Amino acid sequence: MRVPIACTLTSESAAVRLGEWRRFFSDFTAAAEQSSDVQLRVRLTNSTQALQAAVDLARREKTCCAFFDFSVDVQADACWFCVTVPPDATDTLADFVSLLPRPL
């Protein structure tokens, strides 16, 4: 089954959510890399709050934008928050990348 590239939030709610993502990236991003047009990896700061915030936002984002895939890659020295989209949503991922506080 193909998941449609669509968001079910109202424009007002979407603006609020974008602000949440900007704050999350500003507060909890140690580094970021875009390995392809369909995947972004964000190295989280070393805190429980970073993991909790990532999971909370990812869960809520999946309810309105089901085409996003989120995961957390836990390594001995770092935690990476991974965002993946289907090939026809690369523009959406580019918009998402633009929310990062600094260029990749």
N, C-alpha and C. Protein backbone atom coordinates (compact mmCIF):
# COMPACT_ATOMS: atom_id res chain seq x y z
N MET A 1 0.84 -1.19 0.00
CA MET A 1 0.00 0.00 0.00
C MET A 1 0.88 1.24 0.00
N ARG A 2 0.60 2.15 -0.88
CA ARG A 2 1.35 3.40 -1.00
C ARG A 2 0.73 4.45 -0.08
N VAL A 3 1.60 5.08 0.74
CA VAL A 3 1.13 6.12 1.64
C VAL A 3 1.18 7.45 0.90
N PRO A 4 0.09 8.21 0.89
CA PRO A 4 0.08 9.49 0.17
C PRO A 4 1.01 10.52 0.82
N ILE A 5 1.61 11.35 -0.02
CA ILE A 5 2.47 12.44 0.45
C ILE A 5 1.53 13.60 0.78
N ALA A 6 1.08 13.61 2.02
CA ALA A 6 0.10 14.62 2.44
C ALA A 6 0.21 14.83 3.94
N CYS A 7 -0.19 16.00 4.37
CA CYS A 7 -0.24 16.35 5.79
C CYS A 7 -1.68 16.67 6.15
N THR A 8 -2.11 16.16 7.30
CA THR A 8 -3.50 16.39 7.70
C THR A 8 -3.66 17.55 8.68
N LEU A 9 -2.57 18.25 9.01
CA LEU A 9 -2.67 19.39 9.92
C LEU A 9 -3.27 20.60 9.20
N THR A 10 -3.95 21.44 9.96
CA THR A 10 -4.39 22.73 9.41
C THR A 10 -3.15 23.61 9.23
N SER A 11 -3.26 24.66 8.46
CA SER A 11 -2.10 25.54 8.26
C SER A 11 -1.64 26.16 9.58
N GLU A 12 -2.57 26.47 10.45
CA GLU A 12 -2.21 27.03 11.76
C GLU A 12 -1.47 26.00 12.62
N SER A 13 -1.99 24.77 12.65
CA SER A 13 -1.34 23.71 13.41
C SER A 13 0.02 23.36 12.82
N ALA A 14 0.12 23.39 11.50
CA ALA A 14 1.39 23.10 10.83
C ALA A 14 2.45 24.14 11.21
N ALA A 15 2.06 25.39 11.31
CA ALA A 15 3.00 26.44 11.70
C ALA A 15 3.52 26.21 13.12
N VAL A 16 2.64 25.80 14.00
CA VAL A 16 3.04 25.49 15.38
C VAL A 16 4.02 24.31 15.38
N ARG A 17 3.72 23.28 14.61
CA ARG A 17 4.58 22.09 14.55
C ARG A 17 5.95 22.45 13.98
N LEU A 18 5.99 23.28 12.95
CA LEU A 18 7.28 23.71 12.40
C LEU A 18 8.12 24.41 13.45
N GLY A 19 7.48 25.21 14.28
CA GLY A 19 8.19 25.86 15.38
C GLY A 19 8.75 24.85 16.37
N GLU A 20 7.98 23.78 16.63
CA GLU A 20 8.47 22.72 17.51
C GLU A 20 9.70 22.03 16.93
N TRP A 21 9.67 21.74 15.63
CA TRP A 21 10.82 21.12 15.00
C TRP A 21 12.04 22.05 15.03
N ARG A 22 11.83 23.33 14.77
CA ARG A 22 12.96 24.28 14.82
C ARG A 22 13.58 24.30 16.22
N ARG A 23 12.75 24.34 17.26
CA ARG A 23 13.27 24.34 18.64
C ARG A 23 13.99 23.02 18.95
N PHE A 24 13.39 21.91 18.51
CA PHE A 24 14.03 20.61 18.73
C PHE A 24 15.42 20.59 18.10
N PHE A 25 15.51 20.97 16.82
CA PHE A 25 16.81 20.96 16.15
C PHE A 25 17.78 21.94 16.80
N SER A 26 17.29 23.09 17.19
CA SER A 26 18.15 24.09 17.82
C SER A 26 18.67 23.60 19.17
N ASP A 27 17.82 22.97 19.95
CA ASP A 27 18.18 22.55 21.30
C ASP A 27 18.94 21.22 21.37
N PHE A 28 18.70 20.32 20.43
CA PHE A 28 19.19 18.95 20.60
C PHE A 28 20.04 18.41 19.45
N THR A 29 20.44 19.24 18.49
CA THR A 29 21.25 18.79 17.38
C THR A 29 22.73 19.05 17.63
N ALA A 30 23.54 17.97 17.59
CA ALA A 30 24.99 18.11 17.68
C ALA A 30 25.62 18.16 16.30
N ALA A 31 25.00 17.46 15.34
CA ALA A 31 25.48 17.43 13.95
C ALA A 31 24.36 16.88 13.09
N ALA A 32 24.49 17.06 11.79
CA ALA A 32 23.49 16.51 10.87
C ALA A 32 24.17 16.18 9.55
N GLU A 33 23.63 15.16 8.90
CA GLU A 33 24.14 14.80 7.57
C GLU A 33 22.98 14.28 6.73
N GLN A 34 22.99 14.69 5.49
CA GLN A 34 21.98 14.19 4.56
C GLN A 34 22.70 13.24 3.62
N SER A 35 22.52 11.94 3.86
CA SER A 35 23.24 10.93 3.09
C SER A 35 22.66 10.72 1.70
N SER A 36 21.43 11.13 1.50
CA SER A 36 20.78 11.02 0.19
C SER A 36 19.61 11.99 0.14
N ASP A 37 18.93 12.05 -0.99
CA ASP A 37 17.77 12.92 -1.13
C ASP A 37 16.59 12.46 -0.28
N VAL A 38 16.66 11.22 0.21
CA VAL A 38 15.53 10.66 0.96
C VAL A 38 15.83 10.41 2.44
N GLN A 39 17.07 10.73 2.90
CA GLN A 39 17.38 10.46 4.29
C GLN A 39 18.21 11.57 4.93
N LEU A 40 17.82 11.91 6.15
CA LEU A 40 18.52 12.86 6.99
C LEU A 40 18.87 12.15 8.30
N ARG A 41 20.11 12.33 8.74
CA ARG A 41 20.53 11.80 10.04
C ARG A 41 20.95 12.98 10.91
N VAL A 42 20.39 13.04 12.11
CA VAL A 42 20.70 14.11 13.05
C VAL A 42 21.32 13.49 14.28
N ARG A 43 22.55 13.89 14.57
CA ARG A 43 23.20 13.41 15.80
C ARG A 43 22.64 14.24 16.95
N LEU A 44 22.05 13.54 17.91
CA LEU A 44 21.44 14.22 19.04
C LEU A 44 22.48 14.56 20.10
N THR A 45 22.22 15.61 20.84
CA THR A 45 23.05 15.90 21.99
C THR A 45 22.91 14.75 22.98
N ASN A 46 23.87 14.63 23.86
CA ASN A 46 23.90 13.50 24.79
C ASN A 46 23.02 13.80 26.01
N SER A 47 21.71 13.60 25.82
CA SER A 47 20.78 13.83 26.93
C SER A 47 19.53 12.99 26.77
N THR A 48 18.95 12.64 27.88
CA THR A 48 17.69 11.91 27.88
C THR A 48 16.59 12.77 27.26
N GLN A 49 16.64 14.07 27.51
CA GLN A 49 15.64 14.98 26.96
C GLN A 49 15.65 14.97 25.43
N ALA A 50 16.82 14.84 24.83
CA ALA A 50 16.91 14.81 23.37
C ALA A 50 16.18 13.59 22.82
N LEU A 51 16.41 12.44 23.43
CA LEU A 51 15.73 11.21 22.98
C LEU A 51 14.23 11.30 23.20
N GLN A 52 13.83 11.80 24.34
CA GLN A 52 12.40 11.93 24.63
C GLN A 52 11.73 12.88 23.64
N ALA A 53 12.37 14.01 23.37
CA ALA A 53 11.80 14.98 22.44
C ALA A 53 11.72 14.40 21.03
N ALA A 54 12.75 13.65 20.60
CA ALA A 54 12.75 13.03 19.27
C ALA A 54 11.59 12.05 19.13
N VAL A 55 11.41 11.20 20.12
CA VAL A 55 10.34 10.21 20.06
C VAL A 55 8.97 10.90 20.09
N ASP A 56 8.81 11.89 20.95
CA ASP A 56 7.53 12.60 21.04
C ASP A 56 7.16 13.26 19.71
N LEU A 57 8.09 14.01 19.14
CA LEU A 57 7.80 14.69 17.87
C LEU A 57 7.58 13.70 16.73
N ALA A 58 8.39 12.66 16.68
CA ALA A 58 8.24 11.67 15.61
C ALA A 58 6.87 10.99 15.68
N ARG A 59 6.45 10.62 16.87
CA ARG A 59 5.13 9.98 17.01
C ARG A 59 4.02 10.91 16.53
N ARG A 60 4.08 12.17 16.95
CA ARG A 60 3.04 13.12 16.56
C ARG A 60 3.09 13.42 15.06
N GLU A 61 4.30 13.47 14.50
CA GLU A 61 4.43 13.74 13.07
C GLU A 61 3.86 12.59 12.24
N LYS A 62 4.05 11.36 12.69
CA LYS A 62 3.51 10.20 11.96
C LYS A 62 1.98 10.23 11.90
N THR A 63 1.32 10.87 12.88
CA THR A 63 -0.14 10.90 12.85
C THR A 63 -0.67 11.83 11.75
N CYS A 64 0.12 12.82 11.36
CA CYS A 64 -0.36 13.76 10.34
C CYS A 64 0.36 13.59 9.00
N CYS A 65 1.54 13.05 9.03
CA CYS A 65 2.35 12.87 7.81
C CYS A 65 2.88 11.44 7.81
N ALA A 66 2.02 10.50 7.49
CA ALA A 66 2.34 9.08 7.60
C ALA A 66 3.47 8.63 6.68
N PHE A 67 3.81 9.42 5.68
CA PHE A 67 4.86 9.03 4.74
C PHE A 67 6.26 9.16 5.33
N PHE A 68 6.42 9.92 6.41
CA PHE A 68 7.72 10.02 7.08
C PHE A 68 8.02 8.71 7.81
N ASP A 69 9.27 8.31 7.79
CA ASP A 69 9.74 7.21 8.63
C ASP A 69 10.80 7.78 9.55
N PHE A 70 10.69 7.48 10.82
CA PHE A 70 11.64 7.94 11.82
C PHE A 70 12.24 6.75 12.54
N SER A 71 13.50 6.87 12.92
CA SER A 71 14.14 5.85 13.74
C SER A 71 15.25 6.51 14.56
N VAL A 72 15.66 5.79 15.59
CA VAL A 72 16.78 6.24 16.42
C VAL A 72 17.83 5.15 16.36
N ASP A 73 19.04 5.54 16.01
CA ASP A 73 20.17 4.63 15.94
C ASP A 73 21.05 4.91 17.14
N VAL A 74 21.05 3.97 18.10
CA VAL A 74 21.82 4.13 19.33
C VAL A 74 23.17 3.45 19.15
N GLN A 75 24.24 4.23 19.28
CA GLN A 75 25.60 3.72 19.20
C GLN A 75 26.28 3.97 20.54
N ALA A 76 27.44 3.39 20.74
CA ALA A 76 28.15 3.55 22.02
C ALA A 76 28.49 5.00 22.32
N ASP A 77 28.79 5.77 21.28
CA ASP A 77 29.23 7.14 21.50
C ASP A 77 28.26 8.20 20.99
N ALA A 78 27.12 7.80 20.44
CA ALA A 78 26.18 8.78 19.89
C ALA A 78 24.81 8.17 19.65
N CYS A 79 23.81 9.04 19.59
CA CYS A 79 22.47 8.66 19.18
C CYS A 79 22.11 9.50 17.96
N TRP A 80 21.65 8.82 16.92
CA TRP A 80 21.26 9.48 15.69
C TRP A 80 19.75 9.36 15.50
N PHE A 81 19.12 10.45 15.18
CA PHE A 81 17.70 10.51 14.84
C PHE A 81 17.62 10.51 13.32
N CYS A 82 17.00 9.50 12.76
CA CYS A 82 16.99 9.32 11.30
C CYS A 82 15.59 9.61 10.75
N VAL A 83 15.57 10.36 9.68
CA VAL A 83 14.32 10.73 9.01
C VAL A 83 14.43 10.26 7.56
N THR A 84 13.47 9.47 7.12
CA THR A 84 13.47 8.95 5.76
C THR A 84 12.11 9.22 5.12
N VAL A 85 12.14 9.56 3.84
CA VAL A 85 10.90 9.79 3.08
C VAL A 85 10.96 8.98 1.79
N PRO A 86 9.81 8.72 1.18
CA PRO A 86 9.82 8.05 -0.13
C PRO A 86 10.39 8.98 -1.21
N PRO A 87 10.83 8.41 -2.33
CA PRO A 87 11.45 9.21 -3.39
C PRO A 87 10.59 10.37 -3.89
N ASP A 88 9.27 10.27 -3.84
CA ASP A 88 8.45 11.38 -4.32
C ASP A 88 8.21 12.45 -3.25
N ALA A 89 8.92 12.36 -2.12
CA ALA A 89 8.79 13.38 -1.07
C ALA A 89 10.13 14.07 -0.77
N THR A 90 11.02 14.07 -1.75
CA THR A 90 12.33 14.69 -1.51
C THR A 90 12.22 16.20 -1.26
N ASP A 91 11.25 16.86 -1.89
CA ASP A 91 11.05 18.30 -1.63
C ASP A 91 10.62 18.53 -0.19
N THR A 92 9.83 17.64 0.34
CA THR A 92 9.39 17.75 1.73
C THR A 92 10.57 17.57 2.67
N LEU A 93 11.45 16.61 2.38
CA LEU A 93 12.63 16.42 3.22
C LEU A 93 13.54 17.63 3.12
N ALA A 94 13.68 18.22 1.95
CA ALA A 94 14.49 19.43 1.80
C ALA A 94 13.94 20.56 2.66
N ASP A 95 12.63 20.70 2.71
CA ASP A 95 12.01 21.70 3.58
C ASP A 95 12.31 21.38 5.04
N PHE A 96 12.29 20.11 5.39
CA PHE A 96 12.58 19.67 6.75
C PHE A 96 14.02 20.01 7.12
N VAL A 97 14.96 19.76 6.20
CA VAL A 97 16.37 20.06 6.41
C VAL A 97 16.56 21.56 6.64
N SER A 98 15.77 22.37 5.97
CA SER A 98 15.90 23.82 6.13
C SER A 98 15.57 24.30 7.54
N LEU A 99 14.95 23.45 8.33
CA LEU A 99 14.63 23.81 9.72
C LEU A 99 15.83 23.69 10.65
N LEU A 100 16.89 23.03 10.19
CA LEU A 100 18.10 22.89 11.01
C LEU A 100 18.70 24.27 11.28
N PRO A 101 19.30 24.45 12.44
CA PRO A 101 19.83 25.78 12.80
C PRO A 101 21.04 26.22 12.00
N ARG A 102 21.72 25.29 11.34
CA ARG A 102 22.89 25.65 10.54
C ARG A 102 22.95 24.71 9.34
N PRO A 103 23.67 25.11 8.32
CA PRO A 103 23.76 24.26 7.12
C PRO A 103 24.44 22.93 7.43
N LEU A 104 24.11 21.92 6.61
CA LEU A 104 24.76 20.61 6.75
C LEU A 104 26.20 20.68 6.31
